[in-house]
Amino acid sequence: MADITASMVKELREMTGAGMMECKKALAEAEGDMEKAVDVLRTRGLAAVAKKAGRATNEGTVMAMVSDDCKTGAVVELNCETDFVGMNEKFKAYAEKICKAAIEAKPADVEALKAATIDGETVEEVVTDCIHVMGENTQLARVAVVEAQGVAAYIHAGGKIGVLVTFDVEGIDPASEGFQKCGRDIAMQVAALNPVSATRADVPADVVEHEKEIYKAQAAESGKPEAIQEKMAEGRLEKFYKENCLTEQGFVKNPDQTVAQYADECAKELGGKIAITGFVRFALGE
């Protein structure tokens, strides 16, 4: 029997919104496994929200940018010690310079980016200069680079979240103002709602299976016949797709249409075709 501490109960309660006693019972049933306890509460319909716990509290900024032709995009996270420095325009200028280097070099990881050069100096030297100028320890935390027929970027809350969205484009210049407005709107959606994937086909198989098992267990709790349980689980899985797949989500600026329908509307206005193919989302300290 696992030892269930008060701090474990408190953590589960904060993650799920369930009552203290229910959290304690769920942890006991799950033998202290936090993730399993969340599933127990979800099965019983008691977990209002399953939030990620234990995120790092690093300060800094996230920078997302696209190339001039809008076919390459990069997003970087640059960490520092205080929010005061993280929100400073000089600090953000360093992040922007590093992001430009990433677009040019297309590095596979942070170490490769550190070795890349821009304006005659390596990115590692840029970071060192930032430390000297800003007076705080600074670390280049992560980088992602994407290439596609069209790429759009969005930065939320002054650098707390950075998003890149990739598109297949036909008959439209991805660098045009109209396409970039459409792309930023969709990137804003990613920042706001944090979808699991771009399309339902992109949802990892283990995630689908995990969700389906939860829904089946919920249906079983209702006491309905097995055939009905399967239909209930499929219905809830369909709802999961609509809430968590970018193309199927209700568009934040107009909930009467999906994000895919908004992209189609933009494509029609611009005289071509637009299909959302993927996205990258960095949240500061994640």
Protein backbone atom coordinates (compact mmCIF):
# COMPACT_ATOMS: atom_id res chain seq x y z
CA MET A 1 0.00 0.00 0.00
CA ALA A 2 1.53 3.30 -1.10
CA ASP A 3 1.94 6.08 1.45
CA ILE A 4 -0.44 8.86 0.33
CA THR A 5 0.80 12.22 1.61
CA ALA A 6 -1.13 15.46 2.02
CA SER A 7 1.07 17.11 -0.62
CA MET A 8 0.16 14.39 -3.14
CA VAL A 9 -3.54 14.94 -2.45
CA LYS A 10 -3.08 18.69 -2.83
CA GLU A 11 -1.22 18.27 -6.14
CA LEU A 12 -3.90 15.99 -7.58
CA ARG A 13 -6.62 18.36 -6.43
CA GLU A 14 -4.90 21.29 -8.17
CA MET A 15 -4.47 19.21 -11.34
CA THR A 16 -8.05 18.01 -11.56
CA GLY A 17 -10.34 20.24 -9.50
CA ALA A 18 -11.77 17.15 -7.73
CA GLY A 19 -12.57 17.07 -4.00
CA MET A 20 -9.93 16.28 -1.40
CA MET A 21 -11.42 12.95 -0.26
CA GLU A 22 -11.99 11.80 -3.85
CA CYS A 23 -8.38 12.65 -4.66
CA LYS A 24 -7.16 10.67 -1.66
CA LYS A 25 -9.27 7.65 -2.68
CA ALA A 26 -8.06 7.88 -6.29
CA LEU A 27 -4.41 8.01 -5.19
CA ALA A 28 -4.95 4.99 -2.94
CA GLU A 29 -6.57 3.08 -5.80
CA ALA A 30 -3.71 4.05 -8.12
CA GLU A 31 -1.12 3.14 -5.48
CA GLY A 32 0.30 6.64 -5.49
CA ASP A 33 0.71 6.94 -9.27
CA MET A 34 -0.37 10.52 -10.09
CA GLU A 35 -1.22 9.90 -13.77
CA LYS A 36 -3.25 6.79 -12.95
CA ALA A 37 -5.07 8.71 -10.23
CA VAL A 38 -6.05 11.36 -12.79
CA ASP A 39 -7.46 8.56 -14.97
CA VAL A 40 -9.41 7.15 -12.02
CA LEU A 41 -11.01 10.55 -11.40
CA ARG A 42 -11.74 11.04 -15.10
CA THR A 43 -13.40 7.62 -15.26
CA ARG A 44 -15.67 8.66 -12.39
CA GLY A 45 -16.36 11.99 -14.05
CA LEU A 46 -14.79 13.87 -11.14
CA ALA A 47 -11.81 15.47 -12.87
CA ALA A 48 -12.92 18.84 -14.19
CA VAL A 49 -9.53 19.62 -15.69
CA ALA A 50 -6.36 17.57 -16.14
CA LYS A 51 -3.62 20.19 -16.12
CA LYS A 52 0.04 19.54 -16.52
CA ALA A 53 1.85 19.86 -13.21
CA GLY A 54 5.43 20.64 -12.36
CA ARG A 55 6.26 23.00 -15.20
CA ALA A 56 9.56 24.81 -14.92
CA THR A 57 9.38 28.43 -13.78
CA ASN A 58 12.22 29.80 -15.91
CA GLU A 59 11.84 33.40 -17.03
CA GLY A 60 12.80 34.70 -20.45
CA THR A 61 11.12 34.98 -23.83
CA VAL A 62 9.93 32.88 -26.74
CA MET A 63 10.61 34.26 -30.22
CA ALA A 64 8.97 32.99 -33.42
CA MET A 65 9.79 34.29 -36.91
CA VAL A 66 9.52 33.35 -40.59
CA SER A 67 11.87 33.90 -43.53
CA ASP A 68 11.24 36.62 -46.11
CA ASP A 69 9.63 34.12 -48.48
CA CYS A 70 7.55 32.69 -45.58
CA LYS A 71 8.60 29.12 -46.36
CA THR A 72 10.87 28.63 -43.34
CA GLY A 73 10.09 29.39 -39.70
CA ALA A 74 11.99 29.17 -36.43
CA VAL A 75 10.99 29.41 -32.78
CA VAL A 76 13.47 29.67 -29.90
CA GLU A 77 13.24 29.93 -26.14
CA LEU A 78 15.84 32.08 -24.42
CA ASN A 79 15.82 31.85 -20.61
CA CYS A 80 17.02 34.33 -18.00
CA GLU A 81 16.66 34.81 -14.24
CA THR A 82 13.90 37.43 -13.89
CA ASP A 83 10.74 38.47 -15.69
CA PHE A 84 12.05 42.05 -15.63
CA VAL A 85 14.88 41.06 -17.98
CA GLY A 86 12.72 38.60 -19.93
CA MET A 87 10.35 41.41 -20.92
CA ASN A 88 13.17 43.85 -21.71
CA GLU A 89 13.35 44.91 -25.37
CA LYS A 90 17.15 44.50 -25.44
CA PHE A 91 16.81 40.92 -24.26
CA LYS A 92 14.13 40.26 -26.88
CA ALA A 93 16.45 41.70 -29.54
CA TYR A 94 19.00 39.01 -28.65
CA ALA A 95 16.28 36.35 -28.99
CA GLU A 96 15.29 37.79 -32.38
CA LYS A 97 18.89 37.70 -33.59
CA ILE A 98 19.20 34.06 -32.49
CA CYS A 99 15.91 33.23 -34.23
CA LYS A 100 17.19 34.75 -37.48
CA ALA A 101 20.32 32.59 -37.18
CA ALA A 102 18.10 29.52 -36.76
CA ILE A 103 16.17 30.35 -39.93
CA GLU A 104 19.42 30.60 -41.88
CA ALA A 105 21.21 27.60 -40.37
CA LYS A 106 18.20 25.28 -39.89
CA PRO A 107 19.89 23.55 -36.91
CA ALA A 108 18.77 20.14 -35.69
CA ASP A 109 19.12 21.08 -32.02
CA VAL A 110 20.33 23.71 -29.55
CA GLU A 111 23.97 22.64 -29.75
CA ALA A 112 23.95 22.99 -33.54
CA LEU A 113 22.34 26.41 -33.21
CA LYS A 114 25.00 27.59 -30.76
CA ALA A 115 27.63 26.83 -33.41
CA ALA A 116 25.74 28.72 -36.14
CA THR A 117 26.92 32.21 -37.08
CA ILE A 118 25.16 35.51 -37.66
CA ASP A 119 26.77 38.88 -38.38
CA GLY A 120 30.23 37.37 -37.94
CA GLU A 121 29.74 35.78 -34.51
CA THR A 122 28.43 32.45 -33.28
CA VAL A 123 25.10 32.19 -31.50
CA GLU A 124 26.98 31.04 -28.41
CA GLU A 125 28.89 34.34 -28.50
CA VAL A 126 25.58 36.19 -28.90
CA VAL A 127 24.29 34.49 -25.73
CA THR A 128 27.52 35.37 -23.88
CA ASP A 129 27.18 39.01 -24.94
CA CYS A 130 23.59 38.97 -23.67
CA ILE A 131 24.83 37.78 -20.26
CA HIS A 132 27.34 40.64 -20.10
CA VAL A 133 24.88 43.32 -21.21
CA MET A 134 21.81 42.18 -19.25
CA GLY A 135 23.69 41.06 -16.15
CA GLU A 136 21.82 37.78 -15.74
CA ASN A 137 22.57 34.15 -16.45
CA THR A 138 21.08 33.38 -19.87
CA GLN A 139 20.52 29.98 -21.45
CA LEU A 140 19.34 28.99 -24.91
CA ALA A 141 16.73 26.39 -23.93
CA ARG A 142 15.36 25.00 -27.21
CA VAL A 143 14.80 25.59 -30.90
CA ALA A 144 12.55 24.27 -33.65
CA VAL A 145 12.73 24.96 -37.38
CA VAL A 146 10.03 24.13 -39.93
CA GLU A 147 9.94 24.25 -43.73
CA ALA A 148 6.77 24.17 -45.82
CA GLN A 149 5.01 25.72 -48.81
CA GLY A 150 3.78 28.36 -46.38
CA VAL A 151 4.67 29.22 -42.75
CA ALA A 152 3.11 31.75 -40.36
CA ALA A 153 4.20 32.82 -36.87
CA TYR A 154 2.55 34.33 -33.82
CA ILE A 155 3.93 35.51 -30.47
CA HIS A 156 1.51 35.72 -27.53
CA ALA A 157 1.72 37.92 -24.42
CA GLY A 158 4.99 39.56 -25.38
CA GLY A 159 6.93 36.32 -25.60
CA LYS A 160 5.18 33.89 -23.24
CA ILE A 161 4.09 31.65 -26.13
CA GLY A 162 5.48 31.33 -29.66
CA VAL A 163 3.76 29.42 -32.48
CA LEU A 164 4.62 28.34 -36.02
CA VAL A 165 1.98 26.86 -38.33
CA THR A 166 2.80 25.09 -41.59
CA PHE A 167 0.60 24.94 -44.69
CA ASP A 168 0.32 23.37 -48.10
CA VAL A 169 -0.45 26.28 -50.44
CA GLU A 170 -1.56 26.33 -54.06
CA GLY A 171 -1.98 29.47 -56.20
CA ILE A 172 -1.19 31.87 -53.34
CA ASP A 173 2.01 33.71 -52.42
CA PRO A 174 2.71 32.70 -48.78
CA ALA A 175 4.45 36.05 -48.24
CA SER A 176 1.32 37.98 -49.24
CA GLU A 177 -0.42 40.08 -46.62
CA GLY A 178 -3.67 38.14 -47.00
CA PHE A 179 -2.08 34.74 -46.46
CA GLN A 180 0.01 35.92 -43.53
CA LYS A 181 -3.07 37.42 -41.83
CA CYS A 182 -4.87 34.09 -42.23
CA GLY A 183 -1.81 32.21 -40.95
CA ARG A 184 -1.40 34.46 -37.91
CA ASP A 185 -5.07 34.00 -37.02
CA ILE A 186 -4.61 30.22 -37.09
CA ALA A 187 -1.34 30.46 -35.13
CA MET A 188 -3.21 32.58 -32.57
CA GLN A 189 -5.73 29.74 -32.26
CA VAL A 190 -2.87 27.34 -31.46
CA ALA A 191 -1.54 29.72 -28.81
CA ALA A 192 -4.97 30.11 -27.20
CA LEU A 193 -6.33 26.55 -27.26
CA ASN A 194 -3.16 24.41 -27.37
CA PRO A 195 -4.49 21.62 -29.63
CA VAL A 196 -3.04 18.12 -29.48
CA SER A 197 -2.44 17.94 -33.24
CA ALA A 198 -3.22 19.64 -36.55
CA THR A 199 -5.62 16.93 -37.74
CA ARG A 200 -7.17 13.80 -36.24
CA ALA A 201 -4.86 11.70 -38.40
CA ASP A 202 -1.92 13.27 -36.54
CA VAL A 203 -3.13 12.34 -33.04
CA PRO A 204 -0.69 9.73 -31.68
CA ALA A 205 -2.23 6.24 -31.61
CA ASP A 206 -1.40 5.80 -27.91
CA VAL A 207 -3.26 9.02 -27.07
CA VAL A 208 -6.35 7.85 -28.99
CA GLU A 209 -6.24 4.46 -27.27
CA HIS A 210 -5.78 6.04 -23.86
CA GLU A 211 -8.73 8.38 -24.35
CA LYS A 212 -10.93 5.59 -25.68
CA GLU A 213 -10.19 3.40 -22.65
CA ILE A 214 -11.19 6.26 -20.35
CA TYR A 215 -14.44 6.78 -22.27
CA LYS A 216 -15.21 3.05 -22.22
CA ALA A 217 -14.65 2.98 -18.46
CA GLN A 218 -16.93 6.01 -18.05
CA ALA A 219 -19.60 4.28 -20.12
CA ALA A 220 -19.24 1.10 -18.07
CA GLU A 221 -19.79 3.13 -14.89
CA SER A 222 -23.16 4.20 -16.31
CA GLY A 223 -24.38 0.59 -16.31
CA LYS A 224 -25.43 0.68 -19.96
CA PRO A 225 -25.24 -2.50 -22.13
CA GLU A 226 -21.87 -3.21 -23.77
CA ALA A 227 -23.05 -2.27 -27.28
CA ILE A 228 -24.24 1.09 -25.96
CA GLN A 229 -20.99 1.56 -24.06
CA GLU A 230 -19.02 1.28 -27.33
CA LYS A 231 -21.24 3.88 -29.02
CA MET A 232 -20.90 6.21 -26.04
CA ALA A 233 -17.11 5.86 -26.14
CA GLU A 234 -17.02 6.56 -29.89
CA GLY A 235 -19.20 9.64 -29.40
CA ARG A 236 -16.92 10.99 -26.70
CA LEU A 237 -13.87 10.28 -28.84
CA GLU A 238 -15.48 12.28 -31.64
CA LYS A 239 -15.92 15.16 -29.20
CA PHE A 240 -12.26 14.80 -28.20
CA TYR A 241 -11.20 15.23 -31.84
CA LYS A 242 -13.35 18.33 -32.29
CA GLU A 243 -11.93 19.90 -29.14
CA ASN A 244 -8.27 18.91 -29.61
CA CYS A 245 -7.53 18.79 -33.36
CA LEU A 246 -6.71 22.23 -34.75
CA THR A 247 -8.58 21.88 -38.05
CA GLU A 248 -11.76 20.71 -36.29
CA GLN A 249 -11.79 23.22 -33.44
CA GLY A 250 -14.27 26.08 -33.47
CA PHE A 251 -12.42 29.15 -34.74
CA VAL A 252 -11.87 31.55 -31.81
CA LYS A 253 -12.78 34.61 -33.88
CA ASN A 254 -15.95 32.96 -35.22
CA PRO A 255 -17.09 29.82 -33.32
CA ASP A 256 -19.72 29.18 -36.02
CA GLN A 257 -16.99 27.83 -38.31
CA THR A 258 -14.11 25.42 -37.80
CA VAL A 259 -10.49 26.44 -38.30
CA ALA A 260 -10.39 24.37 -41.51
CA GLN A 261 -13.46 26.24 -42.79
CA TYR A 262 -11.76 29.54 -41.98
CA ALA A 263 -8.67 28.44 -43.97
CA ASP A 264 -10.94 27.49 -46.89
CA GLU A 265 -12.63 30.90 -46.67
CA CYS A 266 -9.24 32.64 -46.80
CA ALA A 267 -8.15 30.48 -49.73
CA LYS A 268 -11.29 31.36 -51.68
CA GLU A 269 -10.71 35.08 -51.11
CA LEU A 270 -7.06 34.75 -52.17
CA GLY A 271 -7.85 32.61 -55.23
CA GLY A 272 -6.09 29.40 -54.32
CA LYS A 273 -5.91 26.53 -51.83
CA ILE A 274 -4.71 26.41 -48.22
CA ALA A 275 -4.35 23.27 -46.09
CA ILE A 276 -3.04 23.22 -42.52
CA THR A 277 -0.33 20.58 -42.17
CA GLY A 278 1.19 21.09 -38.72
CA PHE A 279 2.32 23.43 -35.97
CA VAL A 280 4.95 23.98 -33.29
CA ARG A 281 4.02 25.65 -29.99
CA PHE A 282 6.55 26.75 -27.35
CA ALA A 283 5.28 28.03 -24.01
CA LEU A 284 7.86 29.73 -21.78
CA GLY A 285 9.25 27.36 -19.17
CA GLU A 286 7.33 24.37 -20.49
